[in-house]
Amino acid sequence: MLMSNTDRPARLNYMANGFRVLSPGDHVVCAETGARITLDELRYWSVVRQEAYASPEIATAAMTRA
């Protein structure tokens, strides 16, 4: 039976210039807000923390607190 990746969170390995899919899915969750981010819209993450962020403002705020 084929399984769909719709509505399933992906597990990713975040790297400096991109990310690698470890477990297939259609989205990740913002580490700060809990917002759903589709993989096509994912632009901001922390390589060190291995976290995704929904916007540049959220990413900046998270990295400033660290």
N, C-alpha and C. Protein backbone atom coordinates (compact mmCIF):
# COMPACT_ATOMS: atom_id res chain seq x y z
N MET A 1 0.84 -1.18 0.00
CA MET A 1 0.00 0.00 0.00
C MET A 1 0.89 1.25 0.00
N LEU A 2 0.57 2.20 -0.84
CA LEU A 2 1.29 3.46 -0.87
C LEU A 2 0.77 4.38 0.22
N MET A 3 1.71 5.07 0.87
CA MET A 3 1.31 6.00 1.92
C MET A 3 1.59 7.42 1.46
N SER A 4 0.70 8.31 1.77
CA SER A 4 0.84 9.71 1.40
C SER A 4 1.59 10.46 2.49
N ASN A 5 2.37 11.47 2.09
CA ASN A 5 3.08 12.31 3.05
C ASN A 5 2.26 13.52 3.45
N THR A 6 1.03 13.58 3.00
CA THR A 6 0.17 14.71 3.31
C THR A 6 -0.16 14.73 4.78
N ASP A 7 -0.02 15.88 5.36
CA ASP A 7 -0.36 16.10 6.77
C ASP A 7 0.52 15.29 7.72
N ARG A 8 1.73 15.02 7.30
CA ARG A 8 2.69 14.32 8.15
C ARG A 8 3.93 15.20 8.30
N PRO A 9 4.40 15.46 9.52
CA PRO A 9 5.61 16.26 9.67
C PRO A 9 6.85 15.50 9.17
N ALA A 10 7.72 16.21 8.52
CA ALA A 10 8.98 15.64 8.05
C ALA A 10 10.03 15.77 9.15
N ARG A 11 10.98 14.87 9.14
CA ARG A 11 12.15 15.00 10.01
C ARG A 11 13.31 15.38 9.09
N LEU A 12 13.98 16.48 9.43
CA LEU A 12 15.04 17.00 8.57
C LEU A 12 16.36 17.11 9.31
N ASN A 13 17.45 17.06 8.55
CA ASN A 13 18.77 17.41 9.06
C ASN A 13 19.11 18.74 8.41
N TYR A 14 19.19 19.80 9.22
CA TYR A 14 19.45 21.14 8.71
C TYR A 14 20.95 21.34 8.54
N MET A 15 21.34 21.78 7.35
CA MET A 15 22.74 22.02 7.03
C MET A 15 22.90 23.48 6.62
N ALA A 16 24.13 23.92 6.44
CA ALA A 16 24.41 25.33 6.15
C ALA A 16 23.73 25.82 4.87
N ASN A 17 23.66 25.00 3.86
CA ASN A 17 23.11 25.45 2.58
C ASN A 17 21.85 24.71 2.16
N GLY A 18 21.20 24.05 3.08
CA GLY A 18 20.00 23.31 2.75
C GLY A 18 19.65 22.33 3.85
N PHE A 19 18.83 21.38 3.51
CA PHE A 19 18.45 20.36 4.49
C PHE A 19 18.29 19.03 3.79
N ARG A 20 18.43 17.97 4.57
CA ARG A 20 18.26 16.61 4.07
C ARG A 20 17.05 16.00 4.76
N VAL A 21 16.20 15.36 4.01
CA VAL A 21 15.00 14.73 4.55
C VAL A 21 15.38 13.38 5.15
N LEU A 22 15.13 13.23 6.45
CA LEU A 22 15.40 11.97 7.14
C LEU A 22 14.15 11.08 7.16
N SER A 23 13.00 11.71 7.35
CA SER A 23 11.71 11.02 7.29
C SER A 23 10.77 11.87 6.45
N PRO A 24 10.16 11.31 5.43
CA PRO A 24 9.31 12.11 4.54
C PRO A 24 8.09 12.70 5.24
N GLY A 25 7.70 13.85 4.76
CA GLY A 25 6.52 14.54 5.24
C GLY A 25 6.29 15.76 4.39
N ASP A 26 5.25 16.53 4.71
CA ASP A 26 4.96 17.71 3.90
C ASP A 26 5.21 19.01 4.62
N HIS A 27 5.60 18.96 5.90
CA HIS A 27 5.84 20.19 6.65
C HIS A 27 6.75 19.92 7.85
N VAL A 28 7.22 21.03 8.45
CA VAL A 28 7.89 21.00 9.75
C VAL A 28 7.17 22.02 10.64
N VAL A 29 7.51 22.03 11.90
CA VAL A 29 6.86 22.92 12.86
C VAL A 29 7.88 23.95 13.34
N CYS A 30 7.49 25.21 13.37
CA CYS A 30 8.36 26.29 13.86
C CYS A 30 8.68 26.03 15.33
N ALA A 31 9.95 26.08 15.69
CA ALA A 31 10.39 25.82 17.06
C ALA A 31 9.91 26.88 18.04
N GLU A 32 9.63 28.06 17.58
CA GLU A 32 9.23 29.15 18.47
C GLU A 32 7.72 29.33 18.56
N THR A 33 7.03 29.21 17.45
CA THR A 33 5.59 29.52 17.43
C THR A 33 4.69 28.30 17.29
N GLY A 34 5.26 27.18 16.85
CA GLY A 34 4.45 26.00 16.59
C GLY A 34 3.71 26.05 15.27
N ALA A 35 3.97 27.08 14.48
CA ALA A 35 3.31 27.22 13.17
C ALA A 35 3.80 26.13 12.22
N ARG A 36 2.91 25.69 11.38
CA ARG A 36 3.23 24.69 10.37
C ARG A 36 3.92 25.38 9.19
N ILE A 37 5.05 24.84 8.73
CA ILE A 37 5.81 25.40 7.61
C ILE A 37 5.95 24.30 6.55
N THR A 38 5.36 24.52 5.39
CA THR A 38 5.52 23.53 4.32
C THR A 38 6.98 23.53 3.88
N LEU A 39 7.45 22.40 3.38
CA LEU A 39 8.85 22.30 2.98
C LEU A 39 9.18 23.27 1.85
N ASP A 40 8.22 23.57 1.00
CA ASP A 40 8.44 24.55 -0.08
C ASP A 40 8.64 25.96 0.45
N GLU A 41 8.11 26.25 1.63
CA GLU A 41 8.20 27.59 2.22
C GLU A 41 9.31 27.70 3.27
N LEU A 42 9.96 26.61 3.61
CA LEU A 42 11.00 26.61 4.65
C LEU A 42 12.24 27.35 4.17
N ARG A 43 12.58 28.44 4.84
CA ARG A 43 13.74 29.25 4.47
C ARG A 43 14.68 29.53 5.64
N TYR A 44 14.21 29.37 6.87
CA TYR A 44 14.98 29.79 8.05
C TYR A 44 15.10 28.65 9.04
N TRP A 45 16.34 28.37 9.44
CA TRP A 45 16.59 27.32 10.43
C TRP A 45 17.92 27.55 11.10
N SER A 46 18.14 26.81 12.19
CA SER A 46 19.41 26.85 12.91
C SER A 46 20.10 25.51 12.71
N VAL A 47 21.31 25.55 12.18
CA VAL A 47 22.10 24.35 12.00
C VAL A 47 22.53 23.81 13.36
N VAL A 48 22.92 24.69 14.26
CA VAL A 48 23.40 24.29 15.58
C VAL A 48 22.28 23.65 16.39
N ARG A 49 21.13 24.28 16.42
CA ARG A 49 20.00 23.78 17.22
C ARG A 49 19.13 22.77 16.48
N GLN A 50 19.29 22.68 15.16
CA GLN A 50 18.47 21.80 14.33
C GLN A 50 16.99 22.12 14.52
N GLU A 51 16.67 23.42 14.38
CA GLU A 51 15.30 23.92 14.53
C GLU A 51 14.90 24.74 13.31
N ALA A 52 13.63 24.69 12.99
CA ALA A 52 13.06 25.48 11.89
C ALA A 52 12.34 26.69 12.46
N TYR A 53 12.30 27.79 11.67
CA TYR A 53 11.63 29.02 12.08
C TYR A 53 10.73 29.51 10.94
N ALA A 54 9.61 30.10 11.30
CA ALA A 54 8.61 30.51 10.32
C ALA A 54 8.96 31.81 9.59
N SER A 55 9.81 32.66 10.17
CA SER A 55 10.12 33.94 9.53
C SER A 55 11.52 34.40 9.94
N PRO A 56 12.08 35.37 9.22
CA PRO A 56 13.40 35.87 9.60
C PRO A 56 13.38 36.56 10.96
N GLU A 57 12.26 37.21 11.28
CA GLU A 57 12.16 37.89 12.59
C GLU A 57 12.18 36.87 13.72
N ILE A 58 11.48 35.77 13.55
CA ILE A 58 11.44 34.73 14.58
C ILE A 58 12.81 34.08 14.71
N ALA A 59 13.48 33.82 13.60
CA ALA A 59 14.81 33.22 13.63
C ALA A 59 15.80 34.14 14.33
N THR A 60 15.75 35.43 14.01
CA THR A 60 16.65 36.40 14.64
C THR A 60 16.41 36.48 16.13
N ALA A 61 15.15 36.52 16.55
CA ALA A 61 14.84 36.58 17.98
C ALA A 61 15.33 35.33 18.71
N ALA A 62 15.17 34.16 18.11
CA ALA A 62 15.62 32.92 18.73
C ALA A 62 17.14 32.88 18.86
N MET A 63 17.83 33.34 17.86
CA MET A 63 19.29 33.31 17.90
C MET A 63 19.85 34.40 18.81
N THR A 64 19.13 35.50 18.97
CA THR A 64 19.56 36.56 19.86
C THR A 64 19.47 36.12 21.32
N ARG A 65 18.44 35.34 21.65
CA ARG A 65 18.27 34.86 23.02
C ARG A 65 19.31 33.82 23.41
N ALA A 66 19.90 33.16 22.44
CA ALA A 66 20.84 32.06 22.73
C ALA A 66 22.15 32.55 23.30
